[in-house]
Amino acid sequence: MPSVPDGLHVDDLTLNETGLLITARTTGAQASCRVCGRALARVHSRYWRTFKDLPWQDRAVTWLVQVRRFRCSHCPGRVFAEPVPGLGARKARRSDRLAEAQTDIGMVLGGEPGARLSRRLAMPVSGDTVLRLIRRRGTVLSAPPRVVGIDDWAWRRGRSYGTIVCDLERRRVIDLLPGHSSAPVRDWLAAHPSVTVISRDRSGPYAEAARTGAPAATQVADRWHLLVNASEALRGIVERHQSEIRDVAHRSVHDRSASPDLTETAPTPEVYSRRRDRCEAALCLHGEGLPTKEIARRIEASRNAVRRWVRAGRFMPYRRAPGSSRLDPHLSFVEMRWQEGQRSATVLHRALRAQGFTGSYDIVRRWVARRRQGASARPPFARIPSTRRITRWLTGNPATLAQEDRAFTEALCSAAPKLKRVAEDVRAFADLLRQNDPAGLTPWLEAAAATDLGGFVTGLRQDEAAVRAAIVEPWSNGPVEGQVNRLKLIKRSMYGRAGFDLLRQRVLHAA
């Protein structure tokens, strides 16, 4: 049986299949007026209050309490009801401990899922009530933060964003802010003068908010974002060397196959002209300051294509090589069987399967049909790696690359010495961040400014103090990114229908 709070006397217990009903009455001799505070004993009337309480033996518990009304002689016309000690506040329909339990369930699961679990635990409640309980709970004040990390998160990607603030020393979320502009972050920092270190990405609004809201704090640029920015700058330069990339890919195929018949499909003149026109329109709109999404919508192109054209800064012919076939690694085997007189596609496919071939019968049938028509075996095509993959090869450790990838990278660097110099500078910048060498930053900036990395260097110099702090300070936005992942999980569990205040309550509770 639930414990009986002080000041109550239990008169009756009724137990049935639906639950436990406890009939009780208050026993206090006096009650204090909420207006004047005087203790009074003059009873005006009595009435019954009902409270839902924590379950007992998987059965719902209901309190039926007789409460007295008192008349205050010092407040004209004032009649008030005495409180019910240990059960609930004024006008409450559930006990404080039941409300606490249902609020905790709602914080973890949300409205409807929390209501379903509460009903299963003999604490019936509606989903809307669970949400009201969540919103009613206040936030627990944390200790004044000293080192904070700031990052944005997408409420709706491409449309609305918010800002998350984390205490990096305690590794917990301390606040969510609406929007990702500088004003909310600036006001929050101004209200927390204890902040001395601010870790952030290279976002301009956050840098401005830190300068105005906490001018004495040290700003630290996130090292991961710096490496990503350097890699993207290198990828933009790789985009400008498409001709060298294709030449190296063709030479590698010629060296392996010694076949003079290597060709690749080129776009028709109409397609080529349309691509050039859209590229020029994209560059013009980009010069006017339009965002990538709007440019893609206007010219009816993909956002990736717009980004590729903007990175290159000019039109680059995009020629896709024909895809390879799963039969290519087994061409020598089927050629040998063909020369031996085997002309059946079924038999060849069965033999290939025994050799580990995973392709379909149609691939073998089409190859046999071409051979019967007198066509020579199709030589392997040149697979042109993507610019992203080439960038990864150029910035990675050559010792960890496959032999073929390392040979391609070396040939490309020989064909494009400027690209090789830029790749070396990017690797040197990564070494600066890993080796905590702030003295090497200035010489690196001066050397890299003379290469194609000039735009990236200009951005670093505009934020040089934060970049230098990133080399020295141990703080980064890694814990913040982890908290953003937790935030996304909570947001998606609410099916996108919750408001900002509810999301903030649940995220802070989870922290």
Protein backbone atom coordinates (compact mmCIF):
# COMPACT_ATOMS: atom_id res chain seq x y z
CA MET A 1 0.00 0.00 0.00
CA PRO A 2 1.28 3.52 -0.73
CA SER A 3 2.68 5.43 2.23
CA VAL A 4 0.25 7.79 3.96
CA PRO A 5 1.46 11.41 3.96
CA ASP A 6 1.54 13.31 7.24
CA GLY A 7 -1.61 15.26 7.95
CA LEU A 8 -3.94 12.67 6.40
CA HIS A 9 -6.05 10.00 8.06
CA VAL A 10 -7.15 7.00 6.00
CA ASP A 11 -10.77 6.06 6.60
CA ASP A 12 -11.34 3.31 4.04
CA LEU A 13 -9.58 1.11 1.45
CA THR A 14 -11.43 -0.38 -1.51
CA LEU A 15 -9.54 -2.89 -3.70
CA ASN A 16 -10.97 -4.32 -6.90
CA GLU A 17 -9.74 -5.44 -10.33
CA THR A 18 -9.54 -1.88 -11.64
CA GLY A 19 -7.49 -0.40 -8.83
CA LEU A 20 -7.17 0.74 -5.25
CA LEU A 21 -9.36 3.53 -3.86
CA ILE A 22 -8.14 5.21 -0.67
CA THR A 23 -10.61 7.40 1.20
CA ALA A 24 -8.97 9.87 3.58
CA ARG A 25 -9.42 13.22 5.30
CA THR A 26 -7.14 16.00 6.46
CA THR A 27 -6.31 16.25 10.18
CA GLY A 28 -4.70 19.68 10.56
CA ALA A 29 -6.29 21.95 13.15
CA GLN A 30 -5.53 25.16 11.26
CA ALA A 31 -4.74 26.46 7.77
CA SER A 32 -2.86 29.58 6.64
CA CYS A 33 -4.50 32.17 4.41
CA ARG A 34 -2.59 32.58 1.16
CA VAL A 35 -3.25 36.35 1.12
CA CYS A 36 -2.49 37.56 4.65
CA GLY A 37 -0.65 34.48 5.94
CA ARG A 38 -2.59 34.23 9.22
CA ALA A 39 -3.37 30.79 10.67
CA LEU A 40 -7.13 30.26 10.91
CA ALA A 41 -9.35 27.57 12.41
CA ARG A 42 -12.83 28.73 11.32
CA VAL A 43 -14.17 26.06 8.93
CA HIS A 44 -16.52 27.24 6.21
CA SER A 45 -17.33 23.94 4.44
CA ARG A 46 -15.93 20.65 3.19
CA TYR A 47 -15.56 19.04 -0.25
CA TRP A 48 -13.88 16.04 -1.89
CA ARG A 49 -10.68 16.10 -3.97
CA THR A 50 -9.45 13.25 -6.17
CA PHE A 51 -5.77 12.48 -6.74
CA LYS A 52 -4.21 9.84 -8.97
CA ASP A 53 -1.12 8.32 -7.38
CA LEU A 54 1.67 5.85 -8.17
CA PRO A 55 0.41 2.30 -8.78
CA TRP A 56 0.47 -0.51 -6.24
CA GLN A 57 0.85 -4.14 -7.34
CA ASP A 58 0.18 -3.14 -10.97
CA ARG A 59 -3.07 -1.49 -9.98
CA ALA A 60 -3.93 2.19 -10.29
CA VAL A 61 -4.21 4.06 -6.99
CA THR A 62 -6.76 6.85 -6.44
CA TRP A 63 -7.03 9.06 -3.37
CA LEU A 64 -10.40 10.49 -2.39
CA VAL A 65 -9.60 13.16 0.19
CA GLN A 66 -12.08 15.26 2.17
CA VAL A 67 -10.71 18.81 2.28
CA ARG A 68 -11.98 21.74 4.37
CA ARG A 69 -12.58 25.32 3.31
CA PHE A 70 -11.72 28.09 5.77
CA ARG A 71 -13.04 31.61 6.09
CA CYS A 72 -10.49 34.38 6.67
CA SER A 73 -11.81 37.02 9.09
CA HIS A 74 -9.11 39.50 8.09
CA CYS A 75 -9.77 39.31 4.32
CA PRO A 76 -13.39 40.29 3.65
CA GLY A 77 -15.22 37.60 1.72
CA ARG A 78 -12.12 35.45 1.54
CA VAL A 79 -12.73 31.67 1.54
CA PHE A 80 -9.83 29.32 0.82
CA ALA A 81 -9.19 25.57 0.84
CA GLU A 82 -6.50 23.96 2.93
CA PRO A 83 -3.61 22.28 1.10
CA VAL A 84 -3.29 18.50 0.98
CA PRO A 85 0.15 17.77 2.41
CA GLY A 86 2.28 15.21 0.60
CA LEU A 87 -0.08 14.64 -2.32
CA GLY A 88 -0.47 17.52 -4.74
CA ALA A 89 -0.57 21.24 -5.25
CA ARG A 90 -3.66 23.40 -5.48
CA LYS A 91 -6.03 22.31 -8.29
CA ALA A 92 -3.83 19.30 -9.04
CA ARG A 93 -5.46 16.06 -10.18
CA ARG A 94 -2.44 13.84 -9.67
CA SER A 95 0.09 13.48 -6.87
CA ASP A 96 3.46 15.14 -7.13
CA ARG A 97 5.27 11.80 -7.27
CA LEU A 98 3.02 10.50 -10.07
CA ALA A 99 3.53 13.72 -12.04
CA GLU A 100 7.30 13.35 -11.57
CA ALA A 101 7.27 9.76 -12.85
CA GLN A 102 5.10 10.58 -15.88
CA THR A 103 7.28 13.60 -16.68
CA ASP A 104 10.43 11.46 -16.63
CA ILE A 105 8.80 8.93 -18.95
CA GLY A 106 7.74 11.72 -21.29
CA MET A 107 11.22 13.25 -21.28
CA VAL A 108 12.67 10.00 -22.56
CA LEU A 109 9.93 8.80 -24.92
CA GLY A 110 7.83 11.84 -25.80
CA GLY A 111 4.06 12.30 -25.77
CA GLU A 112 2.20 9.32 -27.25
CA PRO A 113 4.95 6.71 -26.61
CA GLY A 114 5.21 7.95 -23.01
CA ALA A 115 1.44 7.73 -22.59
CA ARG A 116 1.41 4.14 -23.91
CA LEU A 117 4.12 3.07 -21.47
CA SER A 118 2.40 4.88 -18.59
CA ARG A 119 -0.86 3.04 -19.30
CA ARG A 120 1.07 -0.24 -19.35
CA LEU A 121 2.49 0.62 -15.92
CA ALA A 122 -0.98 1.37 -14.49
CA MET A 123 -0.48 5.13 -14.62
CA PRO A 124 -3.02 6.07 -17.33
CA VAL A 125 -2.48 9.47 -18.92
CA SER A 126 -3.01 11.07 -22.34
CA GLY A 127 -0.24 12.08 -24.70
CA ASP A 128 -1.23 15.75 -24.53
CA THR A 129 -0.99 15.70 -20.75
CA VAL A 130 2.49 14.18 -20.95
CA LEU A 131 3.56 17.05 -23.22
CA ARG A 132 2.09 19.59 -20.79
CA LEU A 133 4.04 17.97 -17.95
CA ILE A 134 7.26 18.17 -19.98
CA ARG A 135 6.77 21.84 -20.78
CA ARG A 136 5.87 22.62 -17.17
CA ARG A 137 9.10 21.24 -15.73
CA GLY A 138 11.80 23.83 -15.24
CA THR A 139 15.37 23.37 -16.37
CA VAL A 140 18.10 22.53 -13.90
CA LEU A 141 20.64 25.32 -13.60
CA SER A 142 24.17 24.18 -14.35
CA ALA A 143 27.41 25.51 -12.97
CA PRO A 144 28.75 28.61 -14.77
CA PRO A 145 30.51 27.30 -17.90
CA ARG A 146 34.10 28.19 -18.66
CA VAL A 147 34.74 26.40 -21.99
CA VAL A 148 31.83 26.13 -24.42
CA GLY A 149 31.39 24.67 -27.90
CA ILE A 150 28.92 26.18 -30.35
CA ASP A 151 27.51 24.60 -33.49
CA ASP A 152 24.35 24.70 -35.57
CA TRP A 153 21.81 21.96 -36.20
CA ALA A 154 19.10 21.65 -38.82
CA TRP A 155 15.49 21.83 -37.70
CA ARG A 156 14.57 21.49 -41.38
CA ARG A 157 17.59 21.14 -43.61
CA GLY A 158 18.03 24.08 -45.91
CA ARG A 159 15.19 26.05 -44.25
CA SER A 160 15.48 26.53 -40.50
CA TYR A 161 18.35 25.98 -38.09
CA GLY A 162 19.13 26.25 -34.41
CA THR A 163 22.24 26.60 -32.27
CA ILE A 164 23.47 24.16 -29.64
CA VAL A 165 25.74 25.25 -26.79
CA CYS A 166 27.75 22.62 -24.90
CA ASP A 167 29.95 22.72 -21.83
CA LEU A 168 33.13 21.07 -23.11
CA GLU A 169 34.56 20.51 -19.64
CA ARG A 170 31.48 18.64 -18.40
CA ARG A 171 30.56 17.31 -21.87
CA ARG A 172 26.88 18.17 -21.67
CA VAL A 173 24.37 20.42 -23.43
CA ILE A 174 23.63 23.59 -21.52
CA ASP A 175 21.27 25.37 -23.92
CA LEU A 176 19.54 25.41 -27.30
CA LEU A 177 19.05 28.69 -29.12
CA PRO A 178 16.61 29.48 -31.96
CA GLY A 179 18.25 30.24 -35.31
CA HIS A 180 21.94 30.24 -36.20
CA SER A 181 22.46 33.97 -36.57
CA SER A 182 24.83 35.98 -34.40
CA ALA A 183 22.21 37.80 -32.28
CA PRO A 184 20.98 34.88 -30.07
CA VAL A 185 24.54 33.62 -29.53
CA ARG A 186 25.80 37.12 -28.74
CA ASP A 187 23.05 37.67 -26.15
CA TRP A 188 23.68 34.26 -24.58
CA LEU A 189 27.41 34.90 -24.25
CA ALA A 190 26.77 38.34 -22.78
CA ALA A 191 24.55 36.71 -20.14
CA HIS A 192 27.31 34.20 -19.23
CA PRO A 193 30.46 36.22 -18.43
CA SER A 194 32.17 33.12 -17.01
CA VAL A 195 32.94 31.86 -20.54
CA THR A 196 36.65 32.19 -21.33
CA VAL A 197 37.09 29.80 -24.30
CA ILE A 198 34.72 29.39 -27.26
CA SER A 199 35.18 26.49 -29.68
CA ARG A 200 33.33 26.90 -32.97
CA ASP A 201 33.42 26.09 -36.64
CA ARG A 202 34.52 28.73 -39.14
CA SER A 203 31.05 30.24 -39.41
CA GLY A 204 31.13 34.03 -39.76
CA PRO A 205 28.03 34.71 -37.60
CA TYR A 206 29.44 32.72 -34.69
CA ALA A 207 32.77 34.50 -34.94
CA GLU A 208 31.00 37.86 -34.89
CA ALA A 209 28.82 36.77 -31.95
CA ALA A 210 31.90 35.73 -29.97
CA ARG A 211 33.67 39.03 -30.70
CA THR A 212 30.71 41.13 -29.54
CA GLY A 213 29.22 38.94 -26.82
CA ALA A 214 32.45 37.78 -25.16
CA PRO A 215 35.29 40.00 -26.39
CA ALA A 216 37.70 38.74 -23.72
CA ALA A 217 37.16 35.06 -24.53
CA THR A 218 39.57 33.03 -26.65
CA GLN A 219 38.06 31.74 -29.89
CA VAL A 220 39.21 28.31 -31.07
CA ALA A 221 38.53 27.17 -34.62
CA ASP A 222 37.61 23.51 -34.82
CA ARG A 223 40.48 21.44 -36.22
CA TRP A 224 38.22 19.02 -38.07
CA HIS A 225 36.52 21.87 -39.91
CA LEU A 226 39.92 23.35 -40.78
CA LEU A 227 41.02 20.05 -42.32
CA VAL A 228 37.73 19.76 -44.22
CA ASN A 229 38.13 23.31 -45.55
CA ALA A 230 41.67 22.53 -46.68
CA SER A 231 40.51 19.32 -48.36
CA GLU A 232 37.68 21.15 -50.14
CA ALA A 233 40.11 23.80 -51.36
CA LEU A 234 42.34 21.04 -52.76
CA ARG A 235 39.35 19.35 -54.36
CA GLY A 236 38.46 22.59 -56.13
CA ILE A 237 41.98 22.68 -57.57
CA VAL A 238 41.73 19.02 -58.61
CA GLU A 239 38.58 19.95 -60.55
CA ARG A 240 40.68 22.22 -62.76
CA HIS A 241 42.96 19.36 -63.86
CA GLN A 242 40.41 17.14 -65.61
CA SER A 243 42.49 16.86 -68.77
CA GLU A 244 45.54 15.63 -66.83
CA ILE A 245 43.37 13.17 -64.88
CA ARG A 246 41.93 11.68 -68.08
CA ASP A 247 45.36 11.46 -69.70
CA VAL A 248 46.79 9.60 -66.71
CA ALA A 249 43.80 7.24 -66.61
CA HIS A 250 44.16 6.49 -70.34
CA ARG A 251 47.89 5.90 -70.10
CA SER A 252 47.43 3.51 -67.21
CA VAL A 253 44.95 1.45 -69.23
CA HIS A 254 47.19 1.48 -72.31
CA ASP A 255 50.12 0.35 -70.19
CA ARG A 256 48.15 -2.55 -68.78
CA SER A 257 46.35 -3.71 -71.90
CA ALA A 258 48.53 -2.34 -74.73
CA SER A 259 45.31 -1.84 -76.65
CA PRO A 260 45.06 1.02 -79.17
CA ASP A 261 41.26 0.80 -79.31
CA LEU A 262 40.58 2.53 -76.00
CA THR A 263 37.78 5.05 -76.40
CA GLU A 264 35.29 6.79 -74.20
CA THR A 265 31.89 8.12 -75.02
CA ALA A 266 31.71 11.86 -75.51
CA PRO A 267 28.59 13.93 -75.19
CA THR A 268 26.83 15.15 -78.29
CA PRO A 269 27.40 18.77 -79.38
CA GLU A 270 23.92 19.71 -78.19
CA VAL A 271 24.51 18.26 -74.72
CA TYR A 272 27.96 19.85 -74.56
CA SER A 273 26.56 23.27 -75.49
CA ARG A 274 23.73 23.00 -72.96
CA ARG A 275 26.17 22.10 -70.19
CA ARG A 276 28.39 25.05 -71.07
CA ASP A 277 25.43 27.46 -71.05
CA ARG A 278 24.25 26.23 -67.66
CA CYS A 279 27.76 26.46 -66.24
CA GLU A 280 28.15 30.06 -67.42
CA ALA A 281 24.71 30.94 -65.99
CA ALA A 282 25.65 29.33 -62.66
CA LEU A 283 28.91 31.30 -62.44
CA CYS A 284 27.07 34.53 -63.26
CA LEU A 285 24.43 33.93 -60.57
CA HIS A 286 27.12 32.96 -58.08
CA GLY A 287 28.85 36.26 -58.76
CA GLU A 288 25.59 38.02 -57.87
CA GLY A 289 25.67 36.37 -54.44
CA LEU A 290 22.89 33.80 -54.90
CA PRO A 291 23.11 30.59 -52.82
CA THR A 292 23.79 27.24 -54.42
CA LYS A 293 20.26 25.95 -53.87
CA GLU A 294 18.68 28.93 -55.63
CA ILE A 295 21.16 28.71 -58.53
CA ALA A 296 20.36 25.02 -59.00
CA ARG A 297 16.64 25.77 -59.01
CA ARG A 298 16.93 28.54 -61.59
CA ILE A 299 19.11 26.69 -64.10
CA GLU A 300 17.47 23.29 -63.41
CA ALA A 301 20.71 21.57 -62.45
CA SER A 302 21.78 19.52 -59.47
CA ARG A 303 23.40 21.25 -56.53
CA ASN A 304 26.46 19.03 -56.85
CA ALA A 305 26.95 20.20 -60.44
CA VAL A 306 26.66 23.85 -59.36
CA ARG A 307 29.19 23.30 -56.57
CA ARG A 308 31.57 21.63 -59.03
CA TRP A 309 31.34 24.54 -61.49
CA VAL A 310 31.77 27.15 -58.73
CA ARG A 311 34.81 25.35 -57.33
CA ALA A 312 36.44 25.17 -60.75
CA GLY A 313 35.56 28.79 -61.55
CA ARG A 314 35.09 27.99 -65.22
CA PHE A 315 33.48 25.41 -67.48
CA MET A 316 35.12 22.00 -67.31
CA PRO A 317 34.06 19.38 -69.87
CA TYR A 318 32.61 16.44 -68.05
CA ARG A 319 33.09 13.21 -69.93
CA ARG A 320 32.02 9.98 -68.34
CA ALA A 321 33.94 6.88 -69.27
CA PRO A 322 31.87 3.76 -69.99
CA GLY A 323 31.41 1.61 -66.94
CA SER A 324 33.47 -1.50 -66.47
CA SER A 325 32.06 -5.01 -66.66
CA ARG A 326 32.26 -7.78 -64.11
CA LEU A 327 33.67 -9.88 -66.92
CA ASP A 328 36.81 -7.75 -67.27
CA PRO A 329 38.89 -9.63 -64.64
CA HIS A 330 38.01 -12.93 -66.38
CA LEU A 331 38.63 -11.91 -70.01
CA SER A 332 41.85 -13.91 -70.28
CA PHE A 333 40.06 -17.07 -69.10
CA VAL A 334 37.11 -16.80 -71.50
CA GLU A 335 39.46 -15.88 -74.36
CA MET A 336 41.45 -19.04 -73.66
CA ARG A 337 38.28 -21.17 -73.64
CA TRP A 338 37.10 -19.48 -76.82
CA GLN A 339 40.36 -20.27 -78.56
CA GLU A 340 39.97 -23.88 -77.41
CA GLY A 341 36.70 -24.00 -79.37
CA GLN A 342 34.11 -23.47 -76.64
CA ARG A 343 31.22 -21.44 -78.16
CA SER A 344 28.40 -22.07 -75.69
CA ALA A 345 27.51 -19.14 -73.46
CA THR A 346 25.90 -21.52 -70.95
CA VAL A 347 29.04 -23.63 -70.59
CA LEU A 348 31.24 -20.55 -70.37
CA HIS A 349 29.02 -19.02 -67.69
CA ARG A 350 29.12 -22.28 -65.69
CA ALA A 351 32.91 -22.36 -65.92
CA LEU A 352 33.18 -18.71 -64.95
CA ARG A 353 31.01 -19.28 -61.87
CA ALA A 354 33.45 -21.98 -60.82
CA GLN A 355 36.23 -19.38 -61.18
CA GLY A 356 34.42 -16.96 -58.84
CA PHE A 357 32.54 -14.91 -61.43
CA THR A 358 29.50 -13.19 -59.83
CA GLY A 359 27.94 -11.63 -62.95
CA SER A 360 24.80 -12.70 -64.72
CA TYR A 361 24.40 -15.02 -67.67
CA ASP A 362 23.42 -12.10 -69.95
CA ILE A 363 26.90 -10.56 -69.62
CA VAL A 364 28.47 -13.75 -70.93
CA ARG A 365 25.81 -14.17 -73.62
CA ARG A 366 26.41 -10.66 -74.99
CA TRP A 367 30.19 -11.26 -75.03
CA VAL A 368 29.71 -14.51 -76.96
CA ALA A 369 27.37 -12.75 -79.43
CA ARG A 370 30.01 -10.11 -80.17
CA ARG A 371 32.70 -12.73 -80.64
CA ARG A 372 30.51 -14.69 -83.03
CA GLN A 373 30.02 -11.53 -85.11
CA GLY A 374 33.78 -11.22 -85.39
CA ALA A 375 34.22 -8.39 -82.84
CA SER A 376 37.31 -8.46 -80.76
CA ALA A 377 37.16 -8.75 -77.01
CA ARG A 378 36.31 -5.41 -75.40
CA PRO A 379 39.37 -3.98 -73.71
CA PRO A 380 39.00 -2.71 -70.17
CA PHE A 381 37.87 0.91 -70.06
CA ALA A 382 39.58 3.71 -68.26
CA ARG A 383 37.88 4.23 -64.92
CA ILE A 384 38.36 7.90 -64.12
CA PRO A 385 38.36 8.36 -60.34
CA SER A 386 36.15 11.04 -58.82
CA THR A 387 37.73 14.27 -57.65
CA ARG A 388 36.79 13.39 -54.08
CA ARG A 389 38.66 10.11 -54.27
CA ILE A 390 41.70 11.73 -55.88
CA THR A 391 41.71 14.37 -53.14
CA ARG A 392 41.72 11.63 -50.52
CA TRP A 393 44.64 9.93 -52.24
CA LEU A 394 46.61 13.18 -52.41
CA THR A 395 46.07 14.05 -48.74
CA GLY A 396 46.49 10.55 -47.33
CA ASN A 397 49.57 8.59 -46.43
CA PRO A 398 50.99 7.11 -49.66
CA ALA A 399 52.12 4.00 -47.76
CA THR A 400 48.50 3.09 -47.00
CA LEU A 401 47.31 3.33 -50.64
CA ALA A 402 46.90 0.38 -52.95
CA GLN A 403 49.66 -0.02 -55.50
CA GLU A 404 47.40 1.00 -58.40
CA ASP A 405 46.12 4.09 -56.56
CA ARG A 406 49.63 5.13 -55.57
CA ALA A 407 50.83 4.75 -59.17
CA PHE A 408 47.94 6.89 -60.40
CA THR A 409 48.68 9.59 -57.81
CA GLU A 410 52.38 9.69 -58.68
CA ALA A 411 51.62 9.92 -62.39
CA LEU A 412 49.13 12.72 -61.82
CA CYS A 413 51.61 14.69 -59.69
CA SER A 414 54.20 14.31 -62.44
CA ALA A 415 51.74 15.56 -65.04
CA ALA A 416 50.53 18.48 -62.87
CA PRO A 417 53.41 19.90 -60.76
CA LYS A 418 51.19 22.71 -59.39
CA LEU A 419 48.72 20.17 -58.09
CA LYS A 420 51.56 18.29 -56.43
CA ARG A 421 52.73 21.47 -54.70
CA VAL A 422 49.23 22.23 -53.42
CA ALA A 423 48.81 18.67 -52.10
CA GLU A 424 52.12 18.98 -50.24
CA ASP A 425 50.98 22.26 -48.69
CA VAL A 426 47.69 20.73 -47.54
CA ARG A 427 49.53 17.82 -45.92
CA ALA A 428 51.90 20.28 -44.26
CA PHE A 429 48.93 22.21 -42.88
CA ALA A 430 47.50 19.01 -41.43
CA ASP A 431 50.87 18.30 -39.79
CA LEU A 432 50.79 21.77 -38.21
CA LEU A 433 47.47 20.98 -36.55
CA ARG A 434 48.55 17.54 -35.38
CA GLN A 435 52.00 18.51 -34.07
CA ASN A 436 50.89 21.62 -32.11
CA ASP A 437 53.40 23.84 -33.92
CA PRO A 438 52.05 27.43 -33.87
CA ALA A 439 55.41 28.86 -34.93
CA GLY A 440 55.09 27.18 -38.33
CA LEU A 441 51.76 28.77 -39.20
CA THR A 442 53.09 32.13 -40.45
CA PRO A 443 55.75 30.60 -42.78
CA TRP A 444 53.13 28.18 -44.09
CA LEU A 445 50.68 31.01 -44.84
CA GLU A 446 53.36 32.95 -46.71
CA ALA A 447 54.39 29.91 -48.76
CA ALA A 448 50.85 28.72 -49.53
CA ALA A 449 49.71 32.22 -50.56
CA ALA A 450 51.92 31.94 -53.65
CA THR A 451 50.11 28.77 -54.82
CA ASP A 452 46.56 28.05 -55.95
CA LEU A 453 45.57 27.94 -52.26
CA GLY A 454 45.44 31.75 -52.16
CA GLY A 455 41.69 31.86 -51.46
CA PHE A 456 41.96 29.38 -48.61
CA VAL A 457 44.90 31.29 -47.13
CA THR A 458 42.94 34.55 -47.28
CA GLY A 459 40.16 32.96 -45.23
CA LEU A 460 42.66 31.66 -42.66
CA ARG A 461 44.23 35.08 -42.26
CA GLN A 462 40.84 36.64 -41.58
CA ASP A 463 40.45 34.16 -38.72
CA GLU A 464 44.14 33.71 -37.88
CA ALA A 465 43.80 34.14 -34.10
CA ALA A 466 41.24 31.31 -33.88
CA VAL A 467 43.33 29.12 -36.20
CA ARG A 468 46.43 29.69 -34.09
CA ALA A 469 44.42 28.84 -30.96
CA ALA A 470 43.27 25.62 -32.64
CA ILE A 471 46.92 24.55 -32.88
CA VAL A 472 47.64 25.29 -29.22
CA GLU A 473 44.39 24.64 -27.34
CA PRO A 474 43.16 21.09 -26.61
CA TRP A 475 39.49 21.98 -27.22
CA SER A 476 37.52 21.03 -30.31
CA ASN A 477 33.90 20.67 -31.44
CA GLY A 478 33.98 16.89 -31.41
CA PRO A 479 31.79 16.56 -28.27
CA VAL A 480 29.40 19.12 -29.75
CA GLU A 481 28.98 17.03 -32.90
CA GLY A 482 28.14 14.05 -30.71
CA GLN A 483 25.48 16.04 -28.89
CA VAL A 484 24.03 17.13 -32.25
CA ASN A 485 23.62 13.45 -33.16
CA ARG A 486 21.74 12.89 -29.89
CA LEU A 487 19.59 15.93 -30.65
CA LYS A 488 18.72 14.53 -34.09
CA LEU A 489 17.67 11.24 -32.52
CA ILE A 490 15.34 13.01 -30.09
CA LYS A 491 13.98 15.31 -32.81
CA ARG A 492 13.20 12.43 -35.17
CA SER A 493 11.54 10.42 -32.42
CA MET A 494 8.93 13.22 -32.25
CA TYR A 495 8.20 12.83 -36.00
CA GLY A 496 8.98 16.50 -36.65
CA ARG A 497 5.77 17.71 -34.98
CA ALA A 498 7.18 19.14 -31.75
CA GLY A 499 7.97 22.78 -31.12
CA PHE A 500 11.28 24.28 -30.12
CA ASP A 501 10.36 24.54 -26.43
CA LEU A 502 9.54 20.83 -26.18
CA LEU A 503 12.72 19.80 -28.01
CA ARG A 504 14.79 22.02 -25.74
CA GLN A 505 13.29 20.45 -22.62
CA ARG A 506 13.98 16.91 -23.80
CA VAL A 507 17.53 17.63 -25.00
CA LEU A 508 18.50 19.34 -21.75
CA HIS A 509 16.96 16.47 -19.77
CA ALA A 510 18.92 13.92 -21.80
CA ALA A 511 22.10 15.86 -21.07
